[in-house]
Protein backbone atom coordinates (compact mmCIF):
# COMPACT_ATOMS: atom_id res chain seq x y z
CA MET A 1 0.32 -0.01 0.21
CA THR A 2 1.65 3.64 -0.92
CA THR A 3 0.75 6.17 1.77
CA LEU A 4 -0.04 9.83 1.78
CA ALA A 5 2.53 11.60 -0.35
CA SER A 6 4.32 13.37 2.75
CA GLY A 7 4.19 16.50 0.22
CA THR A 8 0.38 17.32 0.52
CA ASP A 9 -0.81 19.53 2.74
CA THR A 10 -3.69 18.47 5.22
CA LEU A 11 -6.04 21.29 3.71
CA THR A 12 -5.59 19.53 0.42
CA ARG A 13 -6.38 15.82 1.79
CA ASP A 14 -9.41 17.01 3.08
CA ALA A 15 -9.94 18.03 0.17
CA LEU A 16 -9.48 15.07 -2.21
CA THR A 17 -10.80 12.98 1.08
CA VAL A 18 -14.55 14.09 0.83
CA LEU A 19 -14.59 13.64 -3.33
CA GLN A 20 -16.83 10.23 -3.91
CA PRO A 21 -15.36 10.54 -7.95
CA GLY A 22 -16.25 8.03 -10.54
CA PHE A 23 -13.70 7.07 -14.00
CA THR A 24 -13.86 5.44 -16.85
CA GLY A 25 -12.61 1.86 -17.36
CA THR A 26 -12.09 -1.41 -16.22
CA THR A 27 -9.11 -0.72 -14.37
CA ALA A 28 -8.02 1.73 -12.36
CA PRO A 29 -5.77 4.56 -14.53
CA ASP A 30 -2.76 6.32 -13.26
CA TRP A 31 -4.33 9.33 -12.35
CA LEU A 32 -6.81 7.53 -9.80
CA LEU A 33 -4.20 5.73 -8.13
CA ARG A 34 -1.86 8.78 -7.70
CA ARG A 35 -4.95 10.57 -5.95
CA LEU A 36 -5.34 8.10 -3.78
CA GLY A 37 -1.82 7.46 -2.64
CA GLU A 38 -2.29 11.56 -2.04
CA GLY A 39 -6.08 11.80 0.03
CA LEU A 40 -8.55 10.74 -2.46
CA ALA A 41 -10.79 8.06 0.27
CA SER A 42 -13.66 6.61 -2.19
CA VAL A 43 -14.23 6.13 -5.35
CA GLY A 44 -17.35 5.24 -7.34
CA LEU A 45 -18.09 2.48 -9.63
CA PHE A 46 -20.59 2.22 -12.60
CA GLY A 47 -21.72 -0.29 -15.54
CA ARG A 48 -19.18 1.38 -17.29
CA ASN A 49 -16.38 0.06 -15.02
CA ILE A 50 -17.98 -3.64 -14.31
CA ALA A 51 -16.90 -6.79 -17.08
CA SER A 52 -17.74 -9.52 -14.33
CA PRO A 53 -17.97 -10.88 -10.83
CA GLY A 54 -13.80 -11.12 -10.77
CA GLN A 55 -12.80 -8.68 -13.04
CA LEU A 56 -14.44 -5.75 -10.41
CA ALA A 57 -12.79 -8.31 -7.19
CA ALA A 58 -9.57 -7.81 -9.83
CA LEU A 59 -10.05 -3.73 -9.97
CA THR A 60 -10.80 -3.25 -6.04
CA ALA A 61 -8.06 -4.87 -5.02
CA GLN A 62 -5.85 -2.68 -7.50
CA LEU A 63 -7.46 -0.07 -5.74
CA ARG A 64 -6.74 -1.60 -2.62
CA ALA A 65 -2.94 -2.12 -3.30
CA GLU A 66 -2.54 1.72 -3.17
CA ARG A 67 -5.08 2.15 -0.19
CA ASP A 68 -6.42 -0.45 1.70
CA ASP A 69 -9.28 1.75 3.61
CA VAL A 70 -10.41 2.78 0.98
CA LEU A 71 -14.43 3.63 0.04
CA VAL A 72 -15.83 1.69 -3.26
CA ALA A 73 -19.49 2.75 -3.73
CA ILE A 74 -21.66 1.65 -5.97
CA ASP A 75 -25.32 2.64 -7.51
CA GLU A 76 -26.42 -1.06 -7.37
CA GLU A 77 -29.79 -0.87 -6.01
CA GLY A 78 -30.82 -4.35 -7.59
CA GLY A 79 -34.42 -4.16 -10.04
CA ASP A 80 -34.52 -1.48 -13.12
CA VAL A 81 -30.64 -0.47 -11.42
CA THR A 82 -28.33 -2.77 -11.60
CA ARG A 83 -24.41 -2.19 -12.35
CA LEU A 84 -23.58 -6.00 -11.26
CA GLU A 85 -25.87 -7.10 -14.33
CA VAL A 86 -25.84 -3.87 -16.09
CA ARG A 87 -25.63 -6.30 -19.92
CA SER A 88 -28.09 -8.73 -18.58
CA GLY A 89 -30.64 -7.38 -16.36
CA SER A 90 -30.74 -8.16 -12.21
CA SER A 91 -31.21 -11.51 -10.38
CA PHE A 92 -32.92 -9.47 -7.92
CA PRO A 93 -36.55 -7.72 -7.82
CA GLY A 94 -36.38 -3.78 -7.49
CA ASN A 95 -38.08 -2.02 -4.37
CA HIS A 96 -41.62 -2.24 -5.87
CA ALA A 97 -41.20 -5.38 -6.07
CA LEU A 98 -39.99 -6.35 -2.36
CA GLY A 99 -43.16 -3.65 -1.16
CA ALA A 100 -45.86 -5.47 -3.66
CA VAL A 101 -44.75 -8.34 -1.23
CA ASP A 102 -44.94 -6.96 1.46
CA ASP A 103 -42.83 -9.65 3.73
CA VAL A 104 -40.33 -7.38 5.16
CA GLU A 105 -38.46 -10.21 6.28
CA LEU A 106 -37.93 -11.47 2.13
CA THR A 107 -36.80 -7.42 1.91
CA GLN A 108 -33.79 -8.28 4.43
CA GLN A 109 -33.19 -11.26 2.73
CA VAL A 110 -32.46 -10.21 -1.01
CA ALA A 111 -30.41 -7.11 0.42
CA HIS A 112 -28.36 -8.80 2.47
CA GLU A 113 -27.25 -11.41 -0.75
CA LEU A 114 -27.30 -8.45 -2.82
CA GLY A 115 -24.41 -7.21 -0.81
CA ARG A 116 -22.85 -10.31 0.26
CA ARG A 117 -22.23 -10.25 -3.73
CA LEU A 118 -20.91 -6.98 -3.32
CA ALA A 119 -18.63 -7.24 -0.66
CA ALA A 120 -16.94 -10.45 -2.54
CA CYS A 121 -16.61 -8.22 -4.89
CA GLY A 122 -14.63 -5.42 -2.63
CA VAL A 123 -16.97 -3.04 -2.74
CA ASN A 124 -18.37 -1.75 0.23
CA LEU A 125 -20.38 1.31 -0.01
CA ASN A 126 -24.16 1.01 -1.54
CA TRP A 127 -26.00 3.85 -2.70
CA ALA A 128 -29.17 2.24 -1.83
CA PRO A 129 -31.99 2.37 -0.77
CA SER A 130 -34.09 4.55 -2.56
CA ALA A 131 -36.38 5.46 0.65
CA ASP A 132 -38.14 7.43 -1.94
CA VAL A 133 -42.54 7.88 -0.74
CA ASN A 134 -43.91 7.75 -4.90
CA SER A 135 -46.47 9.97 -3.34
CA ASP A 136 -46.96 11.13 -7.43
CA PRO A 137 -47.27 8.02 -9.85
CA ARG A 138 -45.89 10.97 -12.69
CA ASN A 139 -42.37 10.77 -11.02
CA PRO A 140 -39.95 9.45 -14.52
CA VAL A 141 -36.82 8.86 -11.96
CA ILE A 142 -38.09 7.21 -8.58
CA GLY A 143 -41.45 4.53 -9.51
CA VAL A 144 -40.41 1.25 -9.20
CA ARG A 145 -36.97 2.36 -7.35
CA SER A 146 -39.49 2.73 -4.30
CA PHE A 147 -41.69 0.36 -2.38
CA GLY A 148 -44.01 1.99 -2.73
CA ALA A 149 -47.05 5.15 -2.25
CA ASP A 150 -47.24 3.97 1.22
CA THR A 151 -45.80 5.45 4.34
CA ALA A 152 -45.33 3.20 6.55
CA LEU A 153 -44.98 0.13 3.98
CA THR A 154 -41.82 2.22 2.41
CA ALA A 155 -40.78 2.84 6.08
CA ARG A 156 -40.40 -0.48 7.17
CA HIS A 157 -38.87 -2.07 4.03
CA THR A 158 -36.84 0.79 3.89
CA ALA A 159 -35.40 -0.22 7.02
CA ALA A 160 -35.32 -4.45 6.26
CA TYR A 161 -33.36 -3.20 3.16
CA VAL A 162 -30.37 -1.13 5.42
CA THR A 163 -30.33 -4.27 7.70
CA GLY A 164 -30.02 -6.63 5.00
CA LEU A 165 -27.45 -4.80 3.20
CA GLN A 166 -25.30 -3.87 6.07
CA SER A 167 -25.48 -7.25 7.93
CA ALA A 168 -23.39 -8.71 4.53
CA GLY A 169 -20.74 -5.66 5.46
CA VAL A 170 -21.41 -3.26 3.27
CA ALA A 171 -22.63 0.37 4.19
CA ALA A 172 -26.00 1.65 3.16
CA CYS A 173 -26.80 4.67 1.56
CA THR A 174 -30.40 5.54 2.48
CA LYS A 175 -31.47 8.00 -0.52
CA HIS A 176 -32.88 10.75 -1.80
CA PHE A 177 -33.08 13.01 1.76
CA PRO A 178 -35.79 15.01 2.02
CA GLY A 179 -37.87 12.41 -0.10
CA HIS A 180 -37.90 12.71 -4.45
CA GLY A 181 -40.84 10.51 -4.47
CA ASP A 182 -43.54 14.02 -4.84
CA THR A 183 -42.34 15.76 -8.04
CA ALA A 184 -42.92 15.08 -11.97
CA VAL A 185 -39.17 16.05 -13.27
CA ASP A 186 -36.32 14.78 -13.18
CA SER A 187 -33.21 15.94 -11.58
CA HIS A 188 -30.91 14.47 -13.86
CA HIS A 189 -32.48 17.66 -16.07
CA ALA A 190 -33.75 20.21 -14.01
CA LEU A 191 -34.55 21.51 -10.67
CA PRO A 192 -38.08 19.98 -9.09
CA ARG A 193 -39.86 21.64 -6.68
CA ILE A 194 -42.18 20.01 -3.67
CA GLY A 195 -44.58 22.26 -3.08
CA ILE A 196 -45.93 20.62 0.02
CA SER A 197 -46.00 21.48 3.39
CA ALA A 198 -43.98 20.81 6.32
CA ASP A 199 -46.37 19.26 8.11
CA VAL A 200 -47.22 16.61 5.15
CA LEU A 201 -43.66 16.49 4.13
CA ALA A 202 -42.93 15.79 8.09
CA GLU A 203 -45.52 12.47 8.54
CA ARG A 204 -44.86 11.07 5.14
CA GLU A 205 -41.50 11.43 2.91
CA LEU A 206 -39.97 11.82 6.22
CA THR A 207 -40.61 8.82 7.93
CA PRO A 208 -39.41 6.48 5.59
CA PHE A 209 -35.75 8.33 6.33
CA ARG A 210 -36.29 8.25 10.41
CA ALA A 211 -36.97 4.62 9.89
CA ALA A 212 -33.14 4.23 8.27
CA ILE A 213 -31.80 5.83 10.67
CA ALA A 214 -33.46 3.96 13.26
CA ALA A 215 -31.95 0.92 11.70
CA GLY A 216 -28.17 2.30 11.41
CA THR A 217 -27.81 3.21 8.10
CA ARG A 218 -24.23 4.42 8.11
CA ALA A 219 -24.66 7.32 4.64
CA VAL A 220 -27.56 9.09 3.61
CA MET A 221 -27.84 10.62 0.11
CA SER A 222 -29.26 14.28 -0.44
CA ALA A 223 -31.47 14.61 -3.35
CA HIS A 224 -31.21 18.04 -5.63
CA ILE A 225 -34.53 19.18 -4.74
CA LEU A 226 -36.06 22.57 -3.59
CA VAL A 227 -38.33 22.10 -0.93
CA PRO A 228 -39.77 25.81 -0.38
CA ALA A 229 -41.10 24.48 3.41
CA LEU A 230 -37.90 23.88 4.22
CA ASP A 231 -35.26 26.56 2.43
CA PRO A 232 -37.03 28.33 -0.46
CA ASP A 233 -34.03 29.72 -1.84
CA ARG A 234 -31.90 26.89 -2.05
CA PRO A 235 -31.96 22.58 -2.94
CA ALA A 236 -31.54 20.25 -0.08
CA THR A 237 -28.26 19.24 -1.65
CA LEU A 238 -26.79 23.44 -1.24
CA SER A 239 -29.37 23.79 2.22
CA ARG A 240 -27.93 24.31 5.70
CA ARG A 241 -31.22 24.03 6.57
CA ILE A 242 -31.99 20.34 5.14
CA LEU A 243 -28.94 18.89 5.86
CA THR A 244 -27.77 20.40 9.28
CA GLY A 245 -30.98 21.92 10.84
CA LEU A 246 -33.55 19.16 9.62
CA LEU A 247 -31.41 15.80 8.84
CA ARG A 248 -28.44 16.27 11.86
CA GLY A 249 -30.65 18.40 14.10
CA GLU A 250 -34.22 17.58 13.82
CA LEU A 251 -33.55 14.07 12.92
CA GLY A 252 -30.31 13.23 14.56
CA TYR A 253 -28.50 11.47 11.76
CA ASP A 254 -24.71 11.27 12.77
CA GLY A 255 -23.42 9.32 10.26
CA LEU A 256 -21.80 10.34 6.16
CA ILE A 257 -23.70 12.64 4.30
CA VAL A 258 -23.59 11.83 0.45
CA THR A 259 -24.13 14.46 -2.24
CA ASP A 260 -26.18 13.24 -5.29
CA GLY A 261 -24.21 12.86 -8.79
CA MET A 262 -23.03 17.08 -8.64
CA GLU A 263 -22.65 16.96 -12.56
CA MET A 264 -27.05 16.56 -12.85
CA ARG A 265 -28.45 19.18 -13.61
CA ALA A 266 -30.65 20.46 -11.82
CA ILE A 267 -27.11 21.43 -10.05
CA ALA A 268 -24.60 21.87 -12.55
CA GLY A 269 -27.19 23.54 -14.87
CA THR A 270 -27.61 26.32 -11.63
CA TYR A 271 -24.28 26.85 -9.65
CA GLY A 272 -21.52 24.65 -11.78
CA ILE A 273 -20.43 21.88 -10.35
CA GLU A 274 -17.13 23.75 -8.55
CA ARG A 275 -19.79 25.60 -6.72
CA GLY A 276 -21.64 23.41 -6.20
CA SER A 277 -19.83 21.97 -4.03
CA VAL A 278 -18.35 24.25 -2.15
CA LEU A 279 -22.14 25.19 -0.76
CA ALA A 280 -22.73 21.17 -0.14
CA ILE A 281 -19.86 21.25 1.78
CA ALA A 282 -20.62 24.43 4.15
CA ALA A 283 -24.25 23.24 4.26
CA GLY A 284 -23.18 19.96 5.94
CA ALA A 285 -22.69 17.47 3.61
CA ASP A 286 -19.62 15.03 3.94
CA ALA A 287 -18.73 13.66 0.55
CA ILE A 288 -19.28 14.80 -2.90
CA CYS A 289 -20.15 11.99 -5.39
CA VAL A 290 -19.39 12.76 -9.00
CA GLY A 291 -18.82 11.13 -12.44
CA GLY A 292 -22.12 9.08 -13.24
CA GLY A 293 -21.06 11.39 -16.34
CA LEU A 294 -17.85 13.92 -15.91
CA ALA A 295 -15.21 10.84 -14.96
CA ASP A 296 -11.40 12.35 -15.15
CA GLU A 297 -8.38 14.16 -13.56
CA ALA A 298 -9.75 17.58 -14.29
CA THR A 299 -12.56 17.52 -12.46
CA VAL A 300 -10.92 16.12 -9.39
CA GLN A 301 -8.70 18.85 -10.07
CA ARG A 302 -10.98 21.42 -10.21
CA LEU A 303 -13.23 20.27 -7.58
CA ARG A 304 -10.36 19.49 -5.52
CA ASP A 305 -8.91 23.18 -6.27
CA ALA A 306 -12.42 24.49 -5.04
CA LEU A 307 -12.88 23.39 -1.77
CA VAL A 308 -8.83 24.53 -1.05
CA GLY A 309 -9.73 27.93 -2.05
CA ALA A 310 -12.78 28.36 -0.92
CA VAL A 311 -11.39 27.99 2.52
CA ARG A 312 -8.05 29.93 1.90
CA VAL A 313 -10.89 33.18 1.27
CA GLY A 314 -12.85 31.91 4.08
CA GLU A 315 -15.69 30.79 2.12
CA LEU A 316 -15.68 27.89 3.56
CA PRO A 317 -14.72 26.49 6.80
CA GLU A 318 -11.79 24.76 7.16
CA GLN A 319 -13.31 23.03 10.34
CA ARG A 320 -16.28 22.26 8.08
CA LEU A 321 -14.38 20.47 5.69
CA ALA A 322 -11.99 18.32 8.38
CA GLU A 323 -15.16 17.30 9.64
CA ALA A 324 -16.30 15.81 6.57
CA ALA A 325 -13.25 14.22 5.80
CA GLU A 326 -13.40 12.97 9.26
CA ARG A 327 -16.89 11.39 8.72
CA VAL A 328 -15.42 9.91 5.30
CA ARG A 329 -12.72 7.99 7.07
CA ALA A 330 -14.97 6.92 10.22
CA LEU A 331 -16.69 4.96 7.00
CA ALA A 332 -14.19 3.68 6.23
CA ARG A 333 -12.73 2.38 9.11
CA TRP A 334 -16.31 0.87 9.86
CA ALA A 335 -16.11 -1.17 6.38
CA GLY A 336 -12.70 -2.26 7.72
CA THR A 337 -13.35 -3.21 10.82
CA THR A 338 -16.87 -5.32 9.48
CA GLY A 339 -14.98 -7.32 6.70
CA ARG A 340 -15.42 -9.19 3.86
CA PRO A 341 -17.63 -12.31 4.60
CA ALA A 342 -16.44 -15.23 5.22
CA ASP A 343 -18.24 -17.09 2.06
CA GLY A 344 -16.75 -13.50 -0.19
CA THR A 345 -15.88 -15.35 -3.46
CA PRO A 346 -16.63 -12.98 -6.17
CA GLY A 347 -19.83 -14.74 -8.44
CA ALA A 348 -20.23 -17.00 -5.99
CA GLN A 349 -23.97 -17.78 -4.97
CA GLY A 350 -24.84 -20.44 -2.05
CA THR A 351 -28.07 -22.07 -2.84
CA GLN A 352 -30.08 -19.47 -0.77
CA GLY A 353 -28.86 -16.51 -2.99
CA THR A 354 -29.29 -18.23 -6.29
CA GLU A 355 -33.16 -18.68 -5.64
CA VAL A 356 -33.90 -15.96 -3.60
CA GLY A 357 -34.53 -13.07 -5.95
CA LEU A 358 -36.38 -15.50 -8.24
CA HIS A 359 -38.27 -16.59 -5.27
CA ALA A 360 -39.34 -12.66 -4.30
CA ALA A 361 -40.04 -11.90 -7.72
CA ARG A 362 -42.04 -14.70 -8.43
CA ARG A 363 -44.23 -13.33 -4.79
CA ALA A 364 -44.74 -9.90 -6.47
CA LEU A 365 -46.14 -10.92 -9.40
CA THR A 366 -49.64 -10.13 -10.25
CA VAL A 367 -52.17 -11.38 -12.56
CA THR A 368 -55.01 -10.41 -13.06
CA ALA A 369 -58.04 -12.42 -15.63
CA ALA A 370 -60.26 -11.07 -18.39
CA PRO A 371 -63.14 -10.54 -17.67
CA GLY A 372 -64.11 -13.66 -19.76
CA LEU A 373 -62.14 -15.54 -17.03
CA ASN A 374 -63.16 -16.85 -13.71
CA SER A 375 -59.55 -16.86 -12.69
CA PRO A 376 -55.76 -16.41 -14.06
CA ASP A 377 -55.84 -20.47 -13.68
CA ALA A 378 -58.77 -20.55 -16.48
CA PHE A 379 -56.01 -18.83 -18.65
CA GLU A 380 -54.65 -21.58 -21.15
CA PRO A 381 -50.32 -21.42 -21.34
CA LEU A 382 -48.42 -20.72 -24.62
CA THR A 383 -48.21 -23.70 -26.27
CA GLU A 384 -46.44 -21.69 -29.64
CA PRO A 385 -44.42 -18.92 -29.57
CA PRO A 386 -45.68 -15.58 -29.83
CA TYR A 387 -45.13 -12.53 -31.31
CA VAL A 388 -43.58 -10.42 -28.17
CA ALA A 389 -44.33 -6.16 -28.64
CA ALA A 390 -41.98 -4.29 -26.17
CA PHE A 391 -43.27 -0.49 -26.13
CA THR A 392 -40.03 1.34 -25.45
CA PRO A 393 -40.12 4.81 -23.51
CA VAL A 394 -36.50 7.04 -23.50
CA ALA A 395 -35.40 5.46 -20.18
CA ASN A 396 -33.93 7.36 -17.33
CA ILE A 397 -30.67 8.35 -16.75
CA ALA A 398 -30.70 6.73 -13.40
CA VAL A 399 -31.56 3.03 -14.91
CA GLY A 400 -29.99 4.07 -18.39
CA ASP A 401 -30.31 2.44 -21.89
CA GLU A 402 -27.64 -0.40 -21.94
CA THR A 403 -29.86 -2.88 -19.69
CA PRO A 404 -31.94 -4.93 -21.18
CA TRP A 405 -35.68 -5.24 -20.02
CA GLY A 406 -38.88 -7.10 -21.29
CA VAL A 407 -39.75 -10.55 -21.52
CA ALA A 408 -39.07 -11.84 -24.79
CA ALA A 409 -35.70 -12.84 -23.83
CA GLU A 410 -36.95 -15.46 -21.20
CA LEU A 411 -39.82 -16.31 -23.47
CA VAL A 412 -37.64 -17.68 -26.35
CA HIS A 413 -35.97 -20.11 -23.66
CA LEU A 414 -39.25 -21.55 -22.72
CA LEU A 415 -41.04 -21.02 -26.15
CA PRO A 416 -38.48 -21.74 -29.09
CA GLY A 417 -39.09 -20.01 -31.82
CA THR A 418 -40.64 -16.57 -30.04
CA VAL A 419 -40.15 -13.45 -32.05
CA THR A 420 -39.85 -9.41 -31.28
CA GLY A 421 -40.29 -5.75 -31.73
CA SER A 422 -39.85 -2.55 -30.39
CA PHE A 423 -41.64 0.03 -30.42
CA SER A 424 -41.80 4.00 -29.84
CA ALA A 425 -43.33 6.89 -29.60
CA GLY A 426 -41.66 8.31 -32.10
CA ASP A 427 -42.74 12.33 -33.10
CA GLY A 428 -46.11 13.72 -33.92
CA PRO A 429 -49.18 13.52 -31.49
CA GLU A 430 -49.10 11.25 -28.91
CA THR A 431 -52.28 9.49 -29.60
CA GLU A 432 -51.47 9.27 -32.93
CA ALA A 433 -47.42 7.67 -32.24
CA GLY A 434 -49.69 5.29 -30.29
CA GLU A 435 -52.14 4.10 -33.05
CA SER A 436 -48.80 3.98 -35.39
CA ALA A 437 -46.50 1.88 -33.03
CA GLY A 438 -50.11 -0.32 -32.14
CA ARG A 439 -50.78 -0.75 -36.31
CA ALA A 440 -46.76 -1.21 -36.70
CA ALA A 441 -47.37 -4.29 -34.13
CA LEU A 442 -50.02 -5.95 -35.37
CA GLN A 443 -49.08 -6.10 -38.89
CA ALA A 444 -45.35 -7.64 -37.28
CA ALA A 445 -46.85 -10.17 -35.46
CA GLY A 446 -49.02 -11.78 -38.14
CA PRO A 447 -51.16 -14.38 -36.78
CA ARG A 448 -48.91 -15.11 -33.70
CA ARG A 449 -49.86 -14.17 -30.79
CA ILE A 450 -49.27 -11.14 -29.29
CA VAL A 451 -48.04 -10.58 -25.68
CA ALA A 452 -47.25 -6.67 -25.66
CA VAL A 453 -45.52 -5.33 -23.30
CA VAL A 454 -45.51 -1.87 -21.83
CA ARG A 455 -43.18 0.13 -18.29
CA ASP A 456 -45.68 2.74 -16.70
CA GLU A 457 -48.39 2.87 -19.59
CA HIS A 458 -50.25 5.47 -16.85
CA ARG A 459 -47.23 7.63 -17.80
CA HIS A 460 -47.37 7.61 -21.08
CA PRO A 461 -50.62 8.16 -23.60
CA TRP A 462 -48.79 6.96 -26.07
CA MET A 463 -48.74 3.94 -24.99
CA ALA A 464 -52.15 3.33 -23.87
CA SER A 465 -52.95 4.68 -27.37
CA ALA A 466 -50.71 1.92 -28.47
CA LEU A 467 -51.98 -0.75 -26.57
CA ASP A 468 -56.12 0.56 -27.26
CA ALA A 469 -55.07 -0.48 -30.77
CA LEU A 470 -54.00 -3.71 -30.32
CA LEU A 471 -56.72 -4.77 -28.15
CA ALA A 472 -59.28 -3.64 -30.69
CA ALA A 473 -57.98 -6.16 -33.42
CA ARG A 474 -56.51 -8.85 -31.21
CA PRO A 475 -58.50 -8.97 -27.78
CA ASP A 476 -56.30 -12.17 -27.49
CA THR A 477 -53.13 -10.37 -26.61
CA ILE A 478 -51.19 -11.01 -23.44
CA VAL A 479 -50.32 -7.48 -21.50
CA VAL A 480 -47.61 -7.21 -19.23
CA GLU A 481 -46.82 -3.95 -17.18
CA MET A 482 -43.13 -3.68 -15.89
CA GLY A 483 -43.71 -0.79 -14.45
CA VAL A 484 -45.74 0.97 -11.81
CA PRO A 485 -49.25 -0.89 -12.44
CA GLN A 486 -51.08 2.02 -12.30
CA ALA A 487 -53.44 1.80 -15.30
CA ALA A 488 -56.40 -0.48 -14.77
CA PRO A 489 -55.41 -4.01 -15.63
CA ARG A 490 -57.33 -5.32 -18.76
CA GLY A 491 -55.89 -7.45 -22.05
CA ALA A 492 -57.06 -11.63 -21.86
CA LEU A 493 -53.99 -11.94 -19.50
CA HIS A 494 -52.50 -8.68 -17.31
CA LEU A 495 -49.26 -9.85 -15.34
CA ALA A 496 -47.93 -6.38 -13.53
CA THR A 497 -43.96 -7.42 -12.47
CA HIS A 498 -43.34 -4.73 -10.64
CA GLY A 499 -40.07 -4.19 -12.10
CA ALA A 500 -37.89 -4.54 -15.31
CA ALA A 501 -35.21 -7.06 -13.79
CA ARG A 502 -34.81 -10.11 -15.60
CA VAL A 503 -36.18 -12.20 -12.66
CA CYS A 504 -39.06 -9.87 -12.83
CA ALA A 505 -39.29 -11.07 -16.65
CA ARG A 506 -38.38 -14.46 -15.96
CA ALA A 507 -41.18 -14.82 -13.37
CA ALA A 508 -43.92 -13.69 -16.38
CA ALA A 509 -42.70 -15.89 -18.64
CA GLU A 510 -43.24 -19.08 -16.54
CA VAL A 511 -46.84 -17.99 -16.05
CA ILE A 512 -47.28 -16.91 -20.16
CA ALA A 513 -46.00 -20.73 -21.30
CA GLY A 514 -47.30 -21.99 -18.64
CA VAL A 515 -44.06 -22.78 -16.47
CA LYS A 516 -45.04 -23.75 -12.77
CA GLY A 517 -42.61 -22.09 -10.94
CA TRP A 518 -44.41 -19.70 -10.14
């Protein structure tokens, strides 16, 4: 291990310590290793950094050869947001599916197994779970990442997830404080505004965070949202009233506060990442997450210099920066003493680990029969390969568009010869676009039975119009909803998976093909 560079002064080391940067590639670049020697204490990993469990373990070992107490963070929620299985889809259903089952022991088991796999690969900080109450069904960025719209349900499953994850030796980072669920704006693109009263926020949005704190969450991630009832001027990430007054003072939280990605437009587009980072640390944040989009040495240097400069001109108290850096080091000490689980072999899956994700996905599946059927059991499974029409919305940045979704791949295994097509809104009015997509799917399907796959039909009028066109012509169409099942069930059979993870697709495909695993 390389010791901290003797020529790096304490102020500069502290400025590096509070950064959580990303990088490109599946091995650590020289500049990153050099910065670890100078004081950088955390690294953020994304899908672009991961090719396999073995490669990930080698990467984290490379980082620890330079600094053995480095915090290696990842955005691994399971479900729709996966980095470990970014190219295949997750082996675990996400929060919304777990909330639909509403079995806290199952949630804890899923989180523990996910944490075990992370720990086996050398990851010790997970930017999860999402504790947001999905109170606005139009929400474009939370949705199935939330346990649900019910506050008490979200709170108990948030606590169970934190407990399960941390029992595997991986620090939980509960997000997005003070709650990102009641917004129809994606903070990756703009600054959302949540216009609810302080009383509603305290009773609804803050309750899951109280549960996470009581469960011992080691980190909390701030949200880039404006909540006028708490602070009319600054978003939560930059608000001392929210981070220090509310989270630290009223809620009594003393762990690490991490910002959401500072390159997101809600901050970068208004304040810039340098100014935003200074304001965030001054407000009470302890770690600056950057690197989902910006991932190079120049960015790290600019942020380091901005923090050092702010201290030297008196804009940022040196003690506040030192306090933030010490919280980062404290979490690193916790991670180091917790250690890797005894069964931590990269890629290893115990019997329970292999089955718990699929078991959870099967339990989360909601099957609704058409009016002409007495029950889902009266549905006759398909014996011939169908045509799968996937109506595809634009992916939000948190999920990304590189992770496959839909039921086609799973149906191909169960019904070889299954054919698939993908359809999107295109240009023009949404109703016309949807009708056009529906007609295109009908033409492409020919005589085959159609399985229509949608994701958040209630948020996409074109998608609803596409289903209207399909069902008018082919009422025997099977509909699979892989988002939040807010729209009324319809079709010959309607399957709500509560998420688009690979195991959720498998559970739906088993029903369609009559496999009795479910």
